[in-house]
Each structure stands twice: as structure tokens, then as C-alpha cells.
């Protein structure tokens, strides 16, 4: 069997203890830039990149970023469930980026990388555009490795999953 590594693509969240003035500046630039950064001039793009790098590298723990802690827990559970190595990657606000996670998976001598996300419904920019774009960049950087996006989820599968959760409370 080929060696497969899972990349768990998560959204990401700003840490609660990131300096408020820098967070406000970053979010303002983030909103103006959109995902293409075309609306920013060169100096603002550089400032945005600087703030993004600082935020992604910010030390995380359960107190300052419960979403990160929950993502780590999900990755650990997924690894136990599948028996595969699971590497976390984040679309924004948090490190490692999805591109970095895909490169780590490739460096782990993977013959196949399977990307999965808990973003289950269609219509989201991350699941429909950002993650596939990162996968295409990884395929260019690592042409010998098969990269599979285990998405979209069928509405029936999501409904079954939610139904199991609901039964716990009925």
C-alpha cells in the first residue's frame, strides 16, 4: 500500500491575545484586500504580509485560541481513527498555512496526500476556491505525489452525521 498522509484543512482564527491595534489594522487590510490582495498598493501589501506572518506564527494554546486547540484535537482523533499521519494546515490567521502543511506532507515521503476539511457544505470560498488552489500549487511543486481532495461531502452523508449527533440529545 502506498504511504498516504492526510492534510486536515482548517479555517483558522486570530489569537485572543494578539495586540489589538495590530489585529484591527490586519482585519482592515484583510477586508480591503479580499483574497487577491489586488486592492492594496505595494506598501500596504507588504504591511499586510508582515502582520499575517506575525499572526500565523503567534504562539497558540487552548486559552488564546480554542479553535486551534480543537483543530489539534480533531487531527489527533483523525490520526487514531485512520492510522495515518495527519498534518494540520490553516486557510488563514494561523500557521502552518495550507501550502506549508502540503509541503510537510510531501517531505514525509508521501506517495499520496489526501486533503480533507470539516467544512462540509458547498458554497464556501475556502472549500471551493482556496483549498483547491493550494492543492494545485502543491501539485506543481510536487508533481510525483498524488494529491486528492476528499470533498465535497454529500448532503446525505452530512445529514446522517448530524442525525447521529441529534440522537444524543433526544
C-alpha atoms as a PDB file:
ATOM      1  CA  UNK A   1       0.000   0.000   0.000  1.00  0.00           C
ATOM      2  CA  UNK A   2       1.231   3.469  -0.831  1.00  0.00           C
ATOM      3  CA  UNK A   3       2.145   5.773   2.003  1.00  0.00           C
ATOM      4  CA  UNK A   4      -0.631   8.324   2.421  1.00  0.00           C
ATOM      5  CA  UNK A   5      -0.536  11.433   4.582  1.00  0.00           C
ATOM      6  CA  UNK A   6      -3.647  13.401   5.469  1.00  0.00           C
ATOM      7  CA  UNK A   7      -3.713  17.190   5.461  1.00  0.00           C
ATOM      8  CA  UNK A   8      -6.562  18.492   7.589  1.00  0.00           C
ATOM      9  CA  UNK A   9      -7.539  21.871   6.125  1.00  0.00           C
ATOM     10  CA  UNK A  10      -8.970  24.130   8.803  1.00  0.00           C
ATOM     11  CA  UNK A  11     -10.172  27.719   8.718  1.00  0.00           C
ATOM     12  CA  UNK A  12      -8.101  29.365  11.474  1.00  0.00           C
ATOM     13  CA  UNK A  13      -8.837  32.179  13.895  1.00  0.00           C
ATOM     14  CA  UNK A  14      -6.880  35.133  15.266  1.00  0.00           C
ATOM     15  CA  UNK A  15      -5.438  34.501  18.737  1.00  0.00           C
ATOM     16  CA  UNK A  16      -7.241  36.331  21.564  1.00  0.00           C
ATOM     17  CA  UNK A  17      -4.000  37.879  22.843  1.00  0.00           C
ATOM     18  CA  UNK A  18      -2.775  39.282  19.527  1.00  0.00           C
ATOM     19  CA  UNK A  19      -2.110  43.023  20.034  1.00  0.00           C
ATOM     20  CA  UNK A  20      -5.469  44.781  19.449  1.00  0.00           C
ATOM     21  CA  UNK A  21      -4.096  47.679  17.361  1.00  0.00           C
ATOM     22  CA  UNK A  22      -2.305  45.250  15.032  1.00  0.00           C
ATOM     23  CA  UNK A  23      -5.357  42.987  14.870  1.00  0.00           C
ATOM     24  CA  UNK A  24      -7.545  45.956  13.885  1.00  0.00           C
ATOM     25  CA  UNK A  25      -5.024  47.025  11.251  1.00  0.00           C
ATOM     26  CA  UNK A  26      -4.735  43.490   9.912  1.00  0.00           C
ATOM     27  CA  UNK A  27      -8.503  42.984   9.732  1.00  0.00           C
ATOM     28  CA  UNK A  28      -8.927  46.325   7.963  1.00  0.00           C
ATOM     29  CA  UNK A  29      -6.319  45.363   5.380  1.00  0.00           C
ATOM     30  CA  UNK A  30      -7.758  41.852   5.148  1.00  0.00           C
ATOM     31  CA  UNK A  31     -11.183  43.253   4.368  1.00  0.00           C
ATOM     32  CA  UNK A  32      -9.846  45.683   1.800  1.00  0.00           C
ATOM     33  CA  UNK A  33      -7.622  43.128   0.145  1.00  0.00           C
ATOM     34  CA  UNK A  34     -10.047  40.281  -0.213  1.00  0.00           C
ATOM     35  CA  UNK A  35      -8.317  37.077  -1.193  1.00  0.00           C
ATOM     36  CA  UNK A  36      -6.396  38.532  -4.137  1.00  0.00           C
ATOM     37  CA  UNK A  37      -4.635  41.433  -2.364  1.00  0.00           C
ATOM     38  CA  UNK A  38      -5.130  43.456  -5.577  1.00  0.00           C
ATOM     39  CA  UNK A  39      -6.889  46.346  -3.821  1.00  0.00           C
ATOM     40  CA  UNK A  40      -3.752  47.191  -1.823  1.00  0.00           C
ATOM     41  CA  UNK A  41      -0.790  49.213  -3.032  1.00  0.00           C
ATOM     42  CA  UNK A  42       2.708  47.772  -2.621  1.00  0.00           C
ATOM     43  CA  UNK A  43       3.419  49.284   0.817  1.00  0.00           C
ATOM     44  CA  UNK A  44       0.062  48.075   2.175  1.00  0.00           C
ATOM     45  CA  UNK A  45       0.617  44.598   0.700  1.00  0.00           C
ATOM     46  CA  UNK A  46       3.975  44.452   2.487  1.00  0.00           C
ATOM     47  CA  UNK A  47       2.405  45.593   5.766  1.00  0.00           C
ATOM     48  CA  UNK A  48      -0.410  43.071   5.349  1.00  0.00           C
ATOM     49  CA  UNK A  49       2.121  40.285   4.718  1.00  0.00           C
ATOM     50  CA  UNK A  50       4.129  41.349   7.781  1.00  0.00           C
ATOM     51  CA  UNK A  51       1.062  41.285  10.033  1.00  0.00           C
ATOM     52  CA  UNK A  52      -0.140  37.998   8.549  1.00  0.00           C
ATOM     53  CA  UNK A  53       3.247  36.373   9.174  1.00  0.00           C
ATOM     54  CA  UNK A  54       3.266  37.632  12.768  1.00  0.00           C
ATOM     55  CA  UNK A  55      -0.285  36.387  13.374  1.00  0.00           C
ATOM     56  CA  UNK A  56       0.301  32.966  11.802  1.00  0.00           C
ATOM     57  CA  UNK A  57       3.449  32.493  13.926  1.00  0.00           C
ATOM     58  CA  UNK A  58       1.805  33.662  17.166  1.00  0.00           C
ATOM     59  CA  UNK A  59       2.106  31.036  19.949  1.00  0.00           C
ATOM     60  CA  UNK A  60      -1.220  29.220  20.378  1.00  0.00           C
ATOM     61  CA  UNK A  61      -2.783  27.441  23.308  1.00  0.00           C
ATOM     62  CA  UNK A  62      -6.273  26.486  24.470  1.00  0.00           C
ATOM     63  CA  UNK A  63      -6.690  29.810  26.267  1.00  0.00           C
ATOM     64  CA  UNK A  64      -5.757  32.222  23.486  1.00  0.00           C
ATOM     65  CA  UNK A  65      -7.071  30.116  20.579  1.00  0.00           C
ATOM     66  CA  UNK A  66      -9.626  27.428  21.444  1.00  0.00           C
ATOM     67  CA  UNK A  67     -10.219  26.836  17.716  1.00  0.00           C
ATOM     68  CA  UNK A  68      -6.544  25.899  17.250  1.00  0.00           C
ATOM     69  CA  UNK A  69      -6.703  23.567  20.258  1.00  0.00           C
ATOM     70  CA  UNK A  70      -9.866  21.982  18.874  1.00  0.00           C
ATOM     71  CA  UNK A  71      -8.201  21.590  15.488  1.00  0.00           C
ATOM     72  CA  UNK A  72      -5.259  19.800  17.088  1.00  0.00           C
ATOM     73  CA  UNK A  73      -7.660  17.511  18.941  1.00  0.00           C
ATOM     74  CA  UNK A  74      -9.513  16.723  15.714  1.00  0.00           C
ATOM     75  CA  UNK A  75      -6.223  15.959  13.936  1.00  0.00           C
ATOM     76  CA  UNK A  76      -5.191  13.581  16.729  1.00  0.00           C
ATOM     77  CA  UNK A  77      -8.557  11.805  16.672  1.00  0.00           C
ATOM     78  CA  UNK A  78      -8.472  11.541  12.879  1.00  0.00           C
ATOM     79  CA  UNK A  79      -5.000  10.037  13.046  1.00  0.00           C
ATOM     80  CA  UNK A  80      -6.134   7.461  15.616  1.00  0.00           C
ATOM     81  CA  UNK A  81      -9.227   6.669  13.551  1.00  0.00           C
ATOM     82  CA  UNK A  82      -7.356   6.229  10.250  1.00  0.00           C
ATOM     83  CA  UNK A  83      -3.908   5.116  11.390  1.00  0.00           C
ATOM     84  CA  UNK A  84      -2.454   7.769   9.095  1.00  0.00           C
ATOM     85  CA  UNK A  85      -0.254  10.737   9.807  1.00  0.00           C
ATOM     86  CA  UNK A  86      -2.392  13.893   9.923  1.00  0.00           C
ATOM     87  CA  UNK A  87      -0.890  17.325   9.364  1.00  0.00           C
ATOM     88  CA  UNK A  88      -2.857  20.456  10.173  1.00  0.00           C
ATOM     89  CA  UNK A  89      -2.996  23.354   7.734  1.00  0.00           C
ATOM     90  CA  UNK A  90      -4.929  26.605   8.033  1.00  0.00           C
ATOM     91  CA  UNK A  91      -6.522  28.791   5.384  1.00  0.00           C
ATOM     92  CA  UNK A  92      -5.901  31.992   7.307  1.00  0.00           C
ATOM     93  CA  UNK A  93      -4.898  33.604  10.609  1.00  0.00           C
ATOM     94  CA  UNK A  94      -2.934  30.613  11.879  1.00  0.00           C
ATOM     95  CA  UNK A  95       0.071  28.534  10.998  1.00  0.00           C
ATOM     96  CA  UNK A  96       1.036  26.415   9.347  1.00  0.00           C
ATOM     97  CA  UNK A  97      -0.601  27.618   6.165  1.00  0.00           C
ATOM     98  CA  UNK A  98      -2.214  25.050   3.925  1.00  0.00           C
ATOM     99  CA  UNK A  99       0.717  25.400   1.495  1.00  0.00           C
ATOM    100  CA  UNK A 100       3.171  24.709   4.338  1.00  0.00           C
ATOM    101  CA  UNK A 101       1.153  21.696   5.504  1.00  0.00           C
ATOM    102  CA  UNK A 102       1.090  20.256   1.983  1.00  0.00           C
ATOM    103  CA  UNK A 103       4.871  20.715   1.734  1.00  0.00           C
ATOM    104  CA  UNK A 104       5.327  18.966   5.100  1.00  0.00           C
ATOM    105  CA  UNK A 105       3.224  16.069   3.876  1.00  0.00           C
ATOM    106  CA  UNK A 106       5.347  15.833   0.731  1.00  0.00           C
ATOM    107  CA  UNK A 107       8.510  15.928   2.848  1.00  0.00           C
ATOM    108  CA  UNK A 108       7.171  12.969   4.840  1.00  0.00           C
ATOM    109  CA  UNK A 109       7.805  10.823   1.740  1.00  0.00           C
ATOM    110  CA  UNK A 110       4.112  10.578   0.997  1.00  0.00           C
ATOM    111  CA  UNK A 111       3.152   8.928  -2.238  1.00  0.00           C
ATOM    112  CA  UNK A 112      -0.350  10.333  -1.810  1.00  0.00           C
ATOM    113  CA  UNK A 113      -1.652  13.300   0.125  1.00  0.00           C
ATOM    114  CA  UNK A 114      -5.325  13.314   0.976  1.00  0.00           C
ATOM    115  CA  UNK A 115      -6.750  16.711   1.875  1.00  0.00           C
ATOM    116  CA  UNK A 116      -9.914  16.805   3.946  1.00  0.00           C
ATOM    117  CA  UNK A 117     -11.765  19.600   5.678  1.00  0.00           C
ATOM    118  CA  UNK A 118     -14.612  19.705   8.187  1.00  0.00           C
ATOM    119  CA  UNK A 119     -16.182  22.433   6.012  1.00  0.00           C
ATOM    120  CA  UNK A 120     -18.995  20.196   4.846  1.00  0.00           C
ATOM    121  CA  UNK A 121     -21.416  22.373   2.909  1.00  0.00           C
ATOM    122  CA  UNK A 122     -20.980  23.732  -0.571  1.00  0.00           C
ATOM    123  CA  UNK A 123     -20.761  27.434  -1.232  1.00  0.00           C
ATOM    124  CA  UNK A 124     -17.810  28.348   0.978  1.00  0.00           C
ATOM    125  CA  UNK A 125     -14.890  30.213  -0.548  1.00  0.00           C
ATOM    126  CA  UNK A 126     -12.312  28.220   1.404  1.00  0.00           C
ATOM    127  CA  UNK A 127     -13.640  24.788   0.466  1.00  0.00           C
ATOM    128  CA  UNK A 128     -14.485  25.645  -3.136  1.00  0.00           C
ATOM    129  CA  UNK A 129     -11.647  28.011  -4.093  1.00  0.00           C
ATOM    130  CA  UNK A 130      -8.825  28.420  -1.566  1.00  0.00           C
ATOM    131  CA  UNK A 131      -8.210  24.750  -0.771  1.00  0.00           C
ATOM    132  CA  UNK A 132      -8.314  23.630  -4.438  1.00  0.00           C
ATOM    133  CA  UNK A 133      -5.917  26.472  -5.329  1.00  0.00           C
ATOM    134  CA  UNK A 134      -3.474  25.342  -2.625  1.00  0.00           C
ATOM    135  CA  UNK A 135      -3.749  21.775  -3.928  1.00  0.00           C
ATOM    136  CA  UNK A 136      -2.943  22.912  -7.477  1.00  0.00           C
ATOM    137  CA  UNK A 137       0.112  24.821  -6.209  1.00  0.00           C
ATOM    138  CA  UNK A 138       1.242  21.689  -4.322  1.00  0.00           C
ATOM    139  CA  UNK A 139       0.833  19.555  -7.453  1.00  0.00           C
ATOM    140  CA  UNK A 140       3.114  21.978  -9.285  1.00  0.00           C
ATOM    141  CA  UNK A 141       5.726  21.885  -6.502  1.00  0.00           C
ATOM    142  CA  UNK A 142       5.470  18.095  -6.018  1.00  0.00           C
ATOM    143  CA  UNK A 143       4.467  16.550  -9.361  1.00  0.00           C
ATOM    144  CA  UNK A 144       5.383  12.989  -8.360  1.00  0.00           C
ATOM    145  CA  UNK A 145       2.891  12.980  -5.474  1.00  0.00           C
ATOM    146  CA  UNK A 146      -0.794  12.301  -5.990  1.00  0.00           C
ATOM    147  CA  UNK A 147      -2.877  14.909  -4.146  1.00  0.00           C
ATOM    148  CA  UNK A 148      -6.533  14.056  -3.570  1.00  0.00           C
ATOM    149  CA  UNK A 149      -9.181  16.422  -2.233  1.00  0.00           C
ATOM    150  CA  UNK A 150     -11.719  14.359  -0.274  1.00  0.00           C
ATOM    151  CA  UNK A 151     -14.515  16.852  -0.867  1.00  0.00           C
ATOM    152  CA  UNK A 152     -17.369  17.671  -1.401  1.00  0.00           C
ATOM    153  CA  UNK A 153     -19.424  15.808   1.137  1.00  0.00           C
ATOM    154  CA  UNK A 154     -22.787  14.546   0.003  1.00  0.00           C
ATOM    155  CA  UNK A 155     -25.764  16.169   1.705  1.00  0.00           C
ATOM    156  CA  UNK A 156     -26.957  12.671   2.691  1.00  0.00           C
ATOM    157  CA  UNK A 157     -23.662  11.906   4.470  1.00  0.00           C
ATOM    158  CA  UNK A 158     -23.738  15.228   6.325  1.00  0.00           C
ATOM    159  CA  UNK A 159     -27.369  14.660   7.299  1.00  0.00           C
ATOM    160  CA  UNK A 160     -26.506  11.183   8.672  1.00  0.00           C
ATOM    161  CA  UNK A 161     -23.619  12.676  10.674  1.00  0.00           C
ATOM    162  CA  UNK A 162     -25.879  15.408  12.090  1.00  0.00           C
ATOM    163  CA  UNK A 163     -28.627  12.897  12.795  1.00  0.00           C
ATOM    164  CA  UNK A 164     -26.236  10.835  14.938  1.00  0.00           C
ATOM    165  CA  UNK A 165     -25.380  13.969  16.898  1.00  0.00           C
ATOM    166  CA  UNK A 166     -29.042  14.895  17.331  1.00  0.00           C
ATOM    167  CA  UNK A 167     -29.880  11.433  18.692  1.00  0.00           C
ATOM    168  CA  UNK A 168     -27.523  12.074  21.616  1.00  0.00           C
ATOM    169  CA  UNK A 169     -29.784  14.943  22.689  1.00  0.00           C
ATOM    170  CA  UNK A 170     -33.221  13.426  22.015  1.00  0.00           C
END
